[in-house]
Amino acid sequence: MTEGGASAAHRAEYLALRGLIGALGALEPGRAAALGARAARLGYWPLRVRRDVVVTQIGSAFPDWRPADVDRVARLAYEHLGRVTAETALLPRLGRQGVLRLFEGVDGWQVIADAMHGGRGLIITTGHLGNWEAAGAFLAARGVPVDVVVRRMSNPLFDRYLNGTRAALGMRVVRDQDAVRQTARSVRAGRAVAFLTDQGVKHLASTFVPFFGRPAKTPRGPAVFALRWNVPMIFGAALRQPGGRYRLHLEHVAMTETGDRERDVDAAVGRYTEALERYVRMAPEQYFWHHRRWRRQPPGTPDPLEDPTAEDEE
């Protein structure tokens, strides 16, 4: 291992990535995104990187679709991931005004203004849909003091680079193991704290709620924090529009207090997962189907609702 826990393989991977970022940086964002899409298309064919997982999960989420429709959306999902990767690599070069120009508008901005009125904190939930990195950068560019809760990446060099990029764009990075302690401080200081809620978070408890009809292990931390500290919660998604720019959709997530805190938390987890599913249905080609969303199942799950990718290789 080299300094900072990075191996020679990590260093080679990082240098290759920085070289690619440098090459993309010579292009304007639209051309760079198009190049990213073409490169990512190779993952669909001929390389077939996790293609069985992607196709199986899309087919399971949309059981009424024809195979040709499933394959079309799967191919587009690879292309979208390539675009997002290229755009994320270019975010530091774009700066505040460039980030704002990536967006054609916002639906529901008033929920941000209302939620943070008077210096109140805010919990934001989202998923790996559209361009989640650009969404966080956009909020920061609009003056929202925002923390982003992140997992540590396997490559420490790229982890350091990406988190430095987030910080340069105005976001404050919080490691998942620090989320419980830091979220309390942040909301008391009137900051927004953003969570990705469609993958397991190692240091946050989870619960199983339906996602496209199947039980999916979902972090419950955002709901716990919102109820414990009486702060509002919103769901957000930045979806790519036909012209190539994004539109940020924001909506309030209702919170109820019945006196049964566990049930109230589970209900809130269900609501922000329902919101994510609704937006995925609007733009299924913009979702990160490459992650096995239903990999972990609760005991006693009926066979028809089990992980559809159980036979696929990781």
Foldseek 3Di string as FASTA:
>chain_A
DDPPPADPVLVVVVVVVVVLLVVLLVDDLVVLLQVLLVVLLVCVPDVVPLVVLQLLVQCLLVVPDDSVVSSVLSSLLSSLVRSLVSVLSCLLVLALVNLLVLAPEEAPVVVVVVQLPPLAEEEEEEAQFARPLSVLLNCVSVPAAEEEEDEQDPNNVVSVVSQVSSVSSRYHYDYLLCCVVVVVVQRVRSHYYYYHWQDDRPNAAWDWEDASHATFTTGLVSLLVCVVVVGWYKYWDWHQDPVGGTYIYIDTQDFDCPPPSVVRSVVSRNRNSVVNNVVCVVPVSRHDSSDQRQQDHDPPGDPSRHRSCVVPDD
